[in-house]
Amino acid sequence: PATATFRLAPRPGPVTPGAKSRPRDLRRLRRRPHGCWDHLIVAPLWVAYDANLGTLLRTCDAVGAFGLWGVTERMSSLDEGFERLWRHGQIRQELAEVLDVLADRATALVRPLGLPQPVPIGVHARYARDEILAAFGIGSADRPPSVREGVKWDAASRCDLFFVTLTKSDKDYSPTTLYRDYAIAPDLFHWESQSFIGPESITGRRYVNHQRDGSNVLLFVREYNTRTHGGAMPYIALGPCTYVTHEGSHPMAITWRLHHRMPAEVFEHARVAAG
């Protein structure tokens, strides 16, 4: 699982169907620091006890659910998926063991995004795109999140989400989408907008004036489209960034300043992408 590459919080002890947990016990445990995947182990209890744990925690449910089942598995609700997981004790146990192993391998120091609203995404952690969208409440169990382009404006949170693949190949991208995206410095990133965006457009003005207008820009990057052993490569959350300057039009070449310097290994790859 992509989200388990960062350090997860300690989990409460093993939970069995016969455990005498009460809603207030669940709320107390959920006040502990956590990762969305870690939380997935006991999430079925929310259904069993009809606990109202708040929007943020249900958003964590969505991140874990789409990470576990993907967007092709249609369910009537997230609770249906968690009830399905709860019926398979061996799978829950194996998932818990995998999370422990991945937690031990964690190397990144993860920080909160620092947005006005709580979003269960950590800066410098890795996520599948579906998990990122779910963290912002985009999509639902019966209508999973889907974004074909590398950009998504979420009006509810007033956030522009940028999904960048650093190494692009001709077989995966058309000539009009081979955008030049690369690191200038550990805290500066060169990014090109979609080819039909100019500074006079509504979207272009939103990019340039996002601080004045109270919106946020979040950058997620990955080295390649796919892993060497198959499957989509997850994105690393570089987090919020601020407009610095731009050149040209259709596309706009924008320089963004990251609020958190990118990790050294990510910077090296992102710098090489400049060619």
C-alpha atoms as a PDB file:
ATOM      1  CA  PRO A   1       0.000   0.000   0.000  1.00  0.00           C
ATOM      2  CA  ALA A   2       1.339   3.398  -0.992  1.00  0.00           C
ATOM      3  CA  THR A   3       0.349   5.264   2.138  1.00  0.00           C
ATOM      4  CA  ALA A   4       2.219   2.887   4.421  1.00  0.00           C
ATOM      5  CA  THR A   5       5.640   4.135   3.312  1.00  0.00           C
ATOM      6  CA  PHE A   6       5.687   6.721   6.089  1.00  0.00           C
ATOM      7  CA  ARG A   7       5.859   6.208   9.844  1.00  0.00           C
ATOM      8  CA  LEU A   8       2.547   5.037  11.250  1.00  0.00           C
ATOM      9  CA  ALA A   9       1.294   5.610  14.769  1.00  0.00           C
ATOM     10  CA  PRO A  10       1.227   2.711  17.241  1.00  0.00           C
ATOM     11  CA  ARG A  11      -1.968   0.704  16.961  1.00  0.00           C
ATOM     12  CA  PRO A  12      -4.127  -0.326  19.882  1.00  0.00           C
ATOM     13  CA  GLY A  13      -3.977  -4.019  20.782  1.00  0.00           C
ATOM     14  CA  PRO A  14      -5.691  -6.687  18.676  1.00  0.00           C
ATOM     15  CA  VAL A  15      -9.446  -6.299  18.346  1.00  0.00           C
ATOM     16  CA  THR A  16     -11.740  -9.313  18.086  1.00  0.00           C
ATOM     17  CA  PRO A  17     -15.446  -9.443  17.223  1.00  0.00           C
ATOM     18  CA  GLY A  18     -16.185 -10.182  20.874  1.00  0.00           C
ATOM     19  CA  ALA A  19     -14.207  -7.233  22.270  1.00  0.00           C
ATOM     20  CA  LYS A  20     -16.266  -5.050  24.617  1.00  0.00           C
ATOM     21  CA  SER A  21     -15.261  -1.763  23.072  1.00  0.00           C
ATOM     22  CA  ARG A  22     -17.702   1.120  23.497  1.00  0.00           C
ATOM     23  CA  PRO A  23     -18.123   4.203  21.310  1.00  0.00           C
ATOM     24  CA  ARG A  24     -16.342   6.415  23.868  1.00  0.00           C
ATOM     25  CA  ASP A  25     -13.405   3.964  23.886  1.00  0.00           C
ATOM     26  CA  LEU A  26     -13.258   4.149  20.106  1.00  0.00           C
ATOM     27  CA  ARG A  27     -13.260   7.954  20.196  1.00  0.00           C
ATOM     28  CA  ARG A  28     -10.449   7.914  22.753  1.00  0.00           C
ATOM     29  CA  LEU A  29      -8.348   5.601  20.591  1.00  0.00           C
ATOM     30  CA  ARG A  30      -9.067   7.697  17.494  1.00  0.00           C
ATOM     31  CA  ARG A  31      -7.628  10.793  19.188  1.00  0.00           C
ATOM     32  CA  ARG A  32      -4.226   9.115  18.921  1.00  0.00           C
ATOM     33  CA  PRO A  33      -2.027  10.092  15.962  1.00  0.00           C
ATOM     34  CA  HIS A  34      -2.690   7.677  13.138  1.00  0.00           C
ATOM     35  CA  GLY A  35      -2.308   6.808   9.488  1.00  0.00           C
ATOM     36  CA  CYS A  36      -5.357   6.128   7.354  1.00  0.00           C
ATOM     37  CA  TRP A  37      -4.153   2.624   6.508  1.00  0.00           C
ATOM     38  CA  ASP A  38      -3.427   1.888  10.150  1.00  0.00           C
ATOM     39  CA  HIS A  39      -6.928   3.000  11.035  1.00  0.00           C
ATOM     40  CA  LEU A  40      -8.389   0.548   8.515  1.00  0.00           C
ATOM     41  CA  ILE A  41      -7.798  -2.389  10.878  1.00  0.00           C
ATOM     42  CA  VAL A  42     -10.457  -1.284  13.374  1.00  0.00           C
ATOM     43  CA  ALA A  43     -12.644   0.787  11.047  1.00  0.00           C
ATOM     44  CA  PRO A  44     -15.390  -1.906  10.903  1.00  0.00           C
ATOM     45  CA  LEU A  45     -16.115  -1.186  14.587  1.00  0.00           C
ATOM     46  CA  TRP A  46     -17.398   2.253  13.606  1.00  0.00           C
ATOM     47  CA  VAL A  47     -20.243   0.440  11.849  1.00  0.00           C
ATOM     48  CA  ALA A  48     -20.843  -2.044  14.660  1.00  0.00           C
ATOM     49  CA  TYR A  49     -21.205   0.678  17.281  1.00  0.00           C
ATOM     50  CA  ASP A  50     -22.741   3.347  15.041  1.00  0.00           C
ATOM     51  CA  ALA A  51     -20.076   5.747  16.277  1.00  0.00           C
ATOM     52  CA  ASN A  52     -20.182   9.283  14.906  1.00  0.00           C
ATOM     53  CA  LEU A  53     -16.472  10.055  14.689  1.00  0.00           C
ATOM     54  CA  GLY A  54     -16.559  13.161  12.542  1.00  0.00           C
ATOM     55  CA  THR A  55     -15.839  14.154   8.956  1.00  0.00           C
ATOM     56  CA  LEU A  56     -12.052  13.829   9.151  1.00  0.00           C
ATOM     57  CA  LEU A  57     -12.146  10.255  10.384  1.00  0.00           C
ATOM     58  CA  ARG A  58     -14.701   9.241   7.783  1.00  0.00           C
ATOM     59  CA  THR A  59     -12.417  10.811   5.197  1.00  0.00           C
ATOM     60  CA  CYS A  60      -9.644   8.568   6.543  1.00  0.00           C
ATOM     61  CA  ASP A  61     -12.044   5.675   5.989  1.00  0.00           C
ATOM     62  CA  ALA A  62     -12.340   6.682   2.335  1.00  0.00           C
ATOM     63  CA  VAL A  63      -8.558   6.946   1.866  1.00  0.00           C
ATOM     64  CA  GLY A  64      -8.047   3.482   3.336  1.00  0.00           C
ATOM     65  CA  ALA A  65     -10.960   1.985   1.423  1.00  0.00           C
ATOM     66  CA  PHE A  66      -9.873   3.238  -1.995  1.00  0.00           C
ATOM     67  CA  GLY A  67      -6.298   2.216  -1.186  1.00  0.00           C
ATOM     68  CA  LEU A  68      -7.412  -1.302  -0.320  1.00  0.00           C
ATOM     69  CA  TRP A  69     -10.095  -1.973  -2.923  1.00  0.00           C
ATOM     70  CA  GLY A  70      -9.256   0.568  -5.611  1.00  0.00           C
ATOM     71  CA  VAL A  71     -11.861   2.381  -7.689  1.00  0.00           C
ATOM     72  CA  THR A  72     -13.007  -0.599  -9.777  1.00  0.00           C
ATOM     73  CA  GLU A  73     -14.652  -2.337  -6.810  1.00  0.00           C
ATOM     74  CA  ARG A  74     -18.070  -0.725  -6.512  1.00  0.00           C
ATOM     75  CA  MET A  75     -19.820  -0.695  -3.123  1.00  0.00           C
ATOM     76  CA  SER A  76     -23.053   0.855  -1.948  1.00  0.00           C
ATOM     77  CA  SER A  77     -21.195   2.497   0.948  1.00  0.00           C
ATOM     78  CA  LEU A  78     -17.818   2.540   2.701  1.00  0.00           C
ATOM     79  CA  ASP A  79     -19.398   0.678   5.605  1.00  0.00           C
ATOM     80  CA  GLU A  80     -20.210  -2.195   3.273  1.00  0.00           C
ATOM     81  CA  GLY A  81     -16.538  -2.495   2.399  1.00  0.00           C
ATOM     82  CA  PHE A  82     -15.434  -2.441   6.033  1.00  0.00           C
ATOM     83  CA  GLU A  83     -18.004  -5.065   6.992  1.00  0.00           C
ATOM     84  CA  ARG A  84     -16.615  -7.236   4.199  1.00  0.00           C
ATOM     85  CA  LEU A  85     -13.095  -6.804   5.565  1.00  0.00           C
ATOM     86  CA  TRP A  86     -14.256  -7.604   9.097  1.00  0.00           C
ATOM     87  CA  ARG A  87     -15.522 -11.025   7.975  1.00  0.00           C
ATOM     88  CA  HIS A  88     -11.989 -12.096   7.000  1.00  0.00           C
ATOM     89  CA  GLY A  89      -9.844 -12.239  10.128  1.00  0.00           C
ATOM     90  CA  GLN A  90      -6.810 -13.743   8.371  1.00  0.00           C
ATOM     91  CA  ILE A  91      -6.708 -10.926   5.844  1.00  0.00           C
ATOM     92  CA  ARG A  92      -6.917  -8.344   8.645  1.00  0.00           C
ATOM     93  CA  GLN A  93      -4.053 -10.056  10.466  1.00  0.00           C
ATOM     94  CA  GLU A  94      -1.861 -10.155   7.347  1.00  0.00           C
ATOM     95  CA  LEU A  95      -2.643  -6.516   6.624  1.00  0.00           C
ATOM     96  CA  ALA A  96      -1.631  -5.568  10.169  1.00  0.00           C
ATOM     97  CA  GLU A  97       1.671  -7.443   9.769  1.00  0.00           C
ATOM     98  CA  VAL A  98       2.394  -5.718   6.448  1.00  0.00           C
ATOM     99  CA  LEU A  99       1.722  -2.316   8.024  1.00  0.00           C
ATOM    100  CA  ASP A 100       4.167  -3.091  10.838  1.00  0.00           C
ATOM    101  CA  VAL A 101       6.896  -4.052   8.352  1.00  0.00           C
ATOM    102  CA  LEU A 102       6.355  -0.940   6.246  1.00  0.00           C
ATOM    103  CA  ALA A 103       6.323   1.255   9.353  1.00  0.00           C
ATOM    104  CA  ASP A 104       9.760  -0.117  10.295  1.00  0.00           C
ATOM    105  CA  ARG A 105      11.050   0.784   6.830  1.00  0.00           C
ATOM    106  CA  ALA A 106       9.795   4.353   6.996  1.00  0.00           C
ATOM    107  CA  THR A 107      12.432   6.959   6.150  1.00  0.00           C
ATOM    108  CA  ALA A 108      10.449  10.153   5.578  1.00  0.00           C
ATOM    109  CA  LEU A 109       9.538  12.630   8.297  1.00  0.00           C
ATOM    110  CA  VAL A 110       5.885  13.381   7.568  1.00  0.00           C
ATOM    111  CA  ARG A 111       4.301  16.739   8.374  1.00  0.00           C
ATOM    112  CA  PRO A 112       0.672  17.870   8.156  1.00  0.00           C
ATOM    113  CA  LEU A 113      -0.372  19.869   5.101  1.00  0.00           C
ATOM    114  CA  GLY A 114      -1.197  22.906   7.213  1.00  0.00           C
ATOM    115  CA  LEU A 115      -4.425  23.740   5.389  1.00  0.00           C
ATOM    116  CA  PRO A 116      -7.289  25.599   7.078  1.00  0.00           C
ATOM    117  CA  GLN A 117      -9.393  22.423   6.909  1.00  0.00           C
ATOM    118  CA  PRO A 118      -8.169  19.004   8.141  1.00  0.00           C
ATOM    119  CA  VAL A 119      -7.068  16.694   5.310  1.00  0.00           C
ATOM    120  CA  PRO A 120      -5.480  13.288   6.094  1.00  0.00           C
ATOM    121  CA  ILE A 121      -2.477  13.785   3.818  1.00  0.00           C
ATOM    122  CA  GLY A 122       1.096  14.086   5.093  1.00  0.00           C
ATOM    123  CA  VAL A 123       3.806  16.114   3.356  1.00  0.00           C
ATOM    124  CA  HIS A 124       6.512  13.763   1.957  1.00  0.00           C
ATOM    125  CA  ALA A 125       4.354  10.646   2.289  1.00  0.00           C
ATOM    126  CA  ARG A 126       3.403   8.681  -0.833  1.00  0.00           C
ATOM    127  CA  TYR A 127      -0.148   8.115  -2.047  1.00  0.00           C
ATOM    128  CA  ALA A 128      -2.008   6.697  -5.002  1.00  0.00           C
ATOM    129  CA  ARG A 129      -3.970   9.371  -6.833  1.00  0.00           C
ATOM    130  CA  ASP A 130      -7.273   7.792  -5.783  1.00  0.00           C
ATOM    131  CA  GLU A 131      -6.216   8.068  -2.136  1.00  0.00           C
ATOM    132  CA  ILE A 132      -5.347  11.752  -2.545  1.00  0.00           C
ATOM    133  CA  LEU A 133      -8.707  12.493  -4.146  1.00  0.00           C
ATOM    134  CA  ALA A 134     -10.507  10.545  -1.428  1.00  0.00           C
ATOM    135  CA  ALA A 135      -8.641  12.527   1.246  1.00  0.00           C
ATOM    136  CA  PHE A 136     -10.259  15.680  -0.161  1.00  0.00           C
ATOM    137  CA  GLY A 137     -13.690  14.061  -0.151  1.00  0.00           C
ATOM    138  CA  ILE A 138     -13.765  13.730  -3.943  1.00  0.00           C
ATOM    139  CA  GLY A 139     -15.823  10.721  -5.011  1.00  0.00           C
ATOM    140  CA  SER A 140     -17.831   8.211  -3.008  1.00  0.00           C
ATOM    141  CA  ALA A 141     -18.199   4.451  -2.588  1.00  0.00           C
ATOM    142  CA  ASP A 142     -20.693   4.172  -5.445  1.00  0.00           C
ATOM    143  CA  ARG A 143     -18.959   6.848  -7.533  1.00  0.00           C
ATOM    144  CA  PRO A 144     -15.189   6.454  -6.956  1.00  0.00           C
ATOM    145  CA  PRO A 145     -12.878   9.412  -7.669  1.00  0.00           C
ATOM    146  CA  SER A 146     -11.528   9.754 -11.177  1.00  0.00           C
ATOM    147  CA  VAL A 147      -9.257  12.358 -12.755  1.00  0.00           C
ATOM    148  CA  ARG A 148      -7.744  11.833 -16.192  1.00  0.00           C
ATOM    149  CA  GLU A 149      -5.801  15.068 -16.357  1.00  0.00           C
ATOM    150  CA  GLY A 150      -2.870  15.986 -14.148  1.00  0.00           C
ATOM    151  CA  VAL A 151      -4.793  18.803 -12.476  1.00  0.00           C
ATOM    152  CA  LYS A 152      -7.898  18.964 -10.291  1.00  0.00           C
ATOM    153  CA  TRP A 153      -9.600  22.037  -8.853  1.00  0.00           C
ATOM    154  CA  ASP A 154     -11.526  21.135  -5.706  1.00  0.00           C
ATOM    155  CA  ALA A 155     -13.955  23.968  -5.080  1.00  0.00           C
ATOM    156  CA  ALA A 156     -15.036  22.627  -1.686  1.00  0.00           C
ATOM    157  CA  SER A 157     -11.545  22.968  -0.176  1.00  0.00           C
ATOM    158  CA  ARG A 158     -10.437  25.721  -2.596  1.00  0.00           C
ATOM    159  CA  CYS A 159      -7.391  23.675  -3.568  1.00  0.00           C
ATOM    160  CA  ASP A 160      -5.686  23.106  -6.905  1.00  0.00           C
ATOM    161  CA  LEU A 161      -4.177  19.611  -6.936  1.00  0.00           C
ATOM    162  CA  PHE A 162      -1.308  19.067  -9.377  1.00  0.00           C
ATOM    163  CA  PHE A 163      -0.250  15.505 -10.278  1.00  0.00           C
ATOM    164  CA  VAL A 164       3.163  15.473 -11.965  1.00  0.00           C
ATOM    165  CA  THR A 165       5.079  12.597 -13.566  1.00  0.00           C
ATOM    166  CA  LEU A 166       8.699  13.719 -13.884  1.00  0.00           C
ATOM    167  CA  THR A 167       9.934  11.257 -16.515  1.00  0.00           C
ATOM    168  CA  LYS A 168       7.505  11.250 -19.420  1.00  0.00           C
ATOM    169  CA  SER A 169       7.695   8.903 -22.417  1.00  0.00           C
ATOM    170  CA  ASP A 170       6.336   9.442 -25.919  1.00  0.00           C
ATOM    171  CA  LYS A 171       4.256   6.255 -25.686  1.00  0.00           C
ATOM    172  CA  ASP A 172       2.368   7.501 -22.605  1.00  0.00           C
ATOM    173  CA  TYR A 173       1.976  11.187 -23.518  1.00  0.00           C
ATOM    174  CA  SER A 174       0.923  13.067 -26.610  1.00  0.00           C
ATOM    175  CA  PRO A 175       3.123  15.927 -27.898  1.00  0.00           C
ATOM    176  CA  THR A 176       0.697  18.441 -26.350  1.00  0.00           C
ATOM    177  CA  THR A 177       0.968  16.879 -22.879  1.00  0.00           C
ATOM    178  CA  LEU A 178       4.753  16.446 -22.672  1.00  0.00           C
ATOM    179  CA  TYR A 179       4.942  19.290 -20.182  1.00  0.00           C
ATOM    180  CA  ARG A 180       8.318  20.374 -18.805  1.00  0.00           C
ATOM    181  CA  ASP A 181       8.033  19.896 -15.064  1.00  0.00           C
ATOM    182  CA  TYR A 182      11.219  19.885 -12.987  1.00  0.00           C
ATOM    183  CA  ALA A 183      12.947  21.148  -9.856  1.00  0.00           C
ATOM    184  CA  ILE A 184      14.918  24.376 -10.013  1.00  0.00           C
ATOM    185  CA  ALA A 185      16.025  24.161  -6.374  1.00  0.00           C
ATOM    186  CA  PRO A 186      14.911  22.082  -3.354  1.00  0.00           C
ATOM    187  CA  ASP A 187      12.173  24.648  -2.714  1.00  0.00           C
ATOM    188  CA  LEU A 188      11.467  25.828  -6.287  1.00  0.00           C
ATOM    189  CA  PHE A 189       9.568  23.899  -8.956  1.00  0.00           C
ATOM    190  CA  HIS A 190       9.014  24.707 -12.632  1.00  0.00           C
ATOM    191  CA  TRP A 191       5.587  23.545 -13.785  1.00  0.00           C
ATOM    192  CA  GLU A 192       3.681  23.929 -17.044  1.00  0.00           C
ATOM    193  CA  SER A 193      -0.085  24.319 -17.130  1.00  0.00           C
ATOM    194  CA  GLN A 194      -2.341  22.548 -19.592  1.00  0.00           C
ATOM    195  CA  SER A 195      -1.772  23.742 -23.154  1.00  0.00           C
ATOM    196  CA  PHE A 196      -5.077  25.661 -23.344  1.00  0.00           C
ATOM    197  CA  ILE A 197      -4.435  27.716 -20.184  1.00  0.00           C
ATOM    198  CA  GLY A 198      -3.254  31.302 -20.475  1.00  0.00           C
ATOM    199  CA  PRO A 199      -2.721  34.014 -17.830  1.00  0.00           C
ATOM    200  CA  GLU A 200      -5.910  35.770 -18.941  1.00  0.00           C
ATOM    201  CA  SER A 201      -8.103  32.696 -18.385  1.00  0.00           C
ATOM    202  CA  ILE A 202     -10.090  32.083 -15.209  1.00  0.00           C
ATOM    203  CA  THR A 203      -7.810  29.190 -14.270  1.00  0.00           C
ATOM    204  CA  GLY A 204      -4.640  31.111 -15.087  1.00  0.00           C
ATOM    205  CA  ARG A 205      -5.741  34.049 -12.948  1.00  0.00           C
ATOM    206  CA  ARG A 206      -6.558  31.650 -10.105  1.00  0.00           C
ATOM    207  CA  TYR A 207      -3.022  30.242 -10.246  1.00  0.00           C
ATOM    208  CA  VAL A 208      -1.410  33.682 -10.221  1.00  0.00           C
ATOM    209  CA  ASN A 209      -3.684  35.227  -7.582  1.00  0.00           C
ATOM    210  CA  HIS A 210      -4.255  32.226  -5.325  1.00  0.00           C
ATOM    211  CA  GLN A 211      -2.822  33.915  -2.223  1.00  0.00           C
ATOM    212  CA  ARG A 212      -4.934  37.032  -2.659  1.00  0.00           C
ATOM    213  CA  ASP A 213      -8.061  34.995  -3.364  1.00  0.00           C
ATOM    214  CA  GLY A 214      -7.566  32.510  -0.524  1.00  0.00           C
ATOM    215  CA  SER A 215      -7.009  29.288  -2.485  1.00  0.00           C
ATOM    216  CA  ASN A 216      -4.185  26.771  -2.144  1.00  0.00           C
ATOM    217  CA  VAL A 217      -1.954  24.937  -4.613  1.00  0.00           C
ATOM    218  CA  LEU A 218      -0.725  21.435  -3.730  1.00  0.00           C
ATOM    219  CA  LEU A 219       1.946  19.541  -5.644  1.00  0.00           C
ATOM    220  CA  PHE A 220       2.189  15.747  -5.911  1.00  0.00           C
ATOM    221  CA  VAL A 221       5.015  14.218  -7.965  1.00  0.00           C
ATOM    222  CA  ARG A 222       6.242  10.775  -8.957  1.00  0.00           C
ATOM    223  CA  GLU A 223       9.291   9.649 -10.877  1.00  0.00           C
ATOM    224  CA  TYR A 224       7.581   7.406 -13.454  1.00  0.00           C
ATOM    225  CA  ASN A 225       4.093   6.303 -14.473  1.00  0.00           C
ATOM    226  CA  THR A 226       4.581   2.707 -13.354  1.00  0.00           C
ATOM    227  CA  ARG A 227       6.771   0.711 -10.987  1.00  0.00           C
ATOM    228  CA  THR A 228       9.413  -1.622 -12.409  1.00  0.00           C
ATOM    229  CA  HIS A 229       7.408  -4.664 -11.230  1.00  0.00           C
ATOM    230  CA  GLY A 230       4.112  -3.267 -12.562  1.00  0.00           C
ATOM    231  CA  GLY A 231       1.326  -1.169 -11.155  1.00  0.00           C
ATOM    232  CA  ALA A 232       0.975   2.586 -10.964  1.00  0.00           C
ATOM    233  CA  MET A 233       3.694   4.428  -9.069  1.00  0.00           C
ATOM    234  CA  PRO A 234       2.352   6.466  -6.147  1.00  0.00           C
ATOM    235  CA  TYR A 235       2.913  10.201  -5.797  1.00  0.00           C
ATOM    236  CA  ILE A 236       4.960  11.877  -3.095  1.00  0.00           C
ATOM    237  CA  ALA A 237       3.119  14.791  -1.529  1.00  0.00           C
ATOM    238  CA  LEU A 238       5.387  17.837  -1.818  1.00  0.00           C
ATOM    239  CA  GLY A 239       2.569  19.836  -0.264  1.00  0.00           C
ATOM    240  CA  PRO A 240       1.531  23.481  -0.521  1.00  0.00           C
ATOM    241  CA  CYS A 241       3.354  25.909  -2.767  1.00  0.00           C
ATOM    242  CA  THR A 242       3.160  29.607  -3.555  1.00  0.00           C
ATOM    243  CA  TYR A 243       3.199  31.367  -6.928  1.00  0.00           C
ATOM    244  CA  VAL A 244       6.499  33.130  -7.736  1.00  0.00           C
ATOM    245  CA  THR A 245       6.405  34.058 -11.415  1.00  0.00           C
ATOM    246  CA  HIS A 246       5.344  32.808 -14.834  1.00  0.00           C
ATOM    247  CA  GLU A 247       6.350  33.046 -18.484  1.00  0.00           C
ATOM    248  CA  GLY A 248       4.505  32.426 -21.696  1.00  0.00           C
ATOM    249  CA  SER A 249       0.965  31.308 -22.413  1.00  0.00           C
ATOM    250  CA  HIS A 250      -0.786  28.136 -23.608  1.00  0.00           C
ATOM    251  CA  PRO A 251       0.865  26.607 -21.618  1.00  0.00           C
ATOM    252  CA  MET A 252       1.936  28.901 -18.795  1.00  0.00           C
ATOM    253  CA  ALA A 253       5.380  28.101 -17.368  1.00  0.00           C
ATOM    254  CA  ILE A 254       4.988  28.802 -13.648  1.00  0.00           C
ATOM    255  CA  THR A 255       7.597  28.773 -10.901  1.00  0.00           C
ATOM    256  CA  TRP A 256       6.234  27.645  -7.517  1.00  0.00           C
ATOM    257  CA  ARG A 257       7.934  27.946  -4.131  1.00  0.00           C
ATOM    258  CA  LEU A 258       7.381  24.924  -1.915  1.00  0.00           C
ATOM    259  CA  HIS A 259       6.549  25.496   1.748  1.00  0.00           C
ATOM    260  CA  HIS A 260       8.631  22.387   2.580  1.00  0.00           C
ATOM    261  CA  ARG A 261      11.929  21.648   0.838  1.00  0.00           C
ATOM    262  CA  MET A 262      11.709  18.416  -1.110  1.00  0.00           C
ATOM    263  CA  PRO A 263      13.701  15.397   0.135  1.00  0.00           C
ATOM    264  CA  ALA A 264      17.207  15.098  -1.361  1.00  0.00           C
ATOM    265  CA  GLU A 265      16.481  11.952  -3.378  1.00  0.00           C
ATOM    266  CA  VAL A 266      13.333  13.503  -4.858  1.00  0.00           C
ATOM    267  CA  PHE A 267      15.177  16.719  -5.692  1.00  0.00           C
ATOM    268  CA  GLU A 268      17.906  14.811  -7.537  1.00  0.00           C
ATOM    269  CA  HIS A 269      15.381  13.039  -9.737  1.00  0.00           C
ATOM    270  CA  ALA A 270      13.299  16.174 -10.245  1.00  0.00           C
ATOM    271  CA  ARG A 271      16.394  18.157 -11.213  1.00  0.00           C
ATOM    272  CA  VAL A 272      17.433  15.557 -13.779  1.00  0.00           C
ATOM    273  CA  ALA A 273      13.980  15.904 -15.367  1.00  0.00           C
ATOM    274  CA  ALA A 274      15.058  19.381 -16.539  1.00  0.00           C
ATOM    275  CA  GLY A 275      17.179  17.617 -19.171  1.00  0.00           C
END
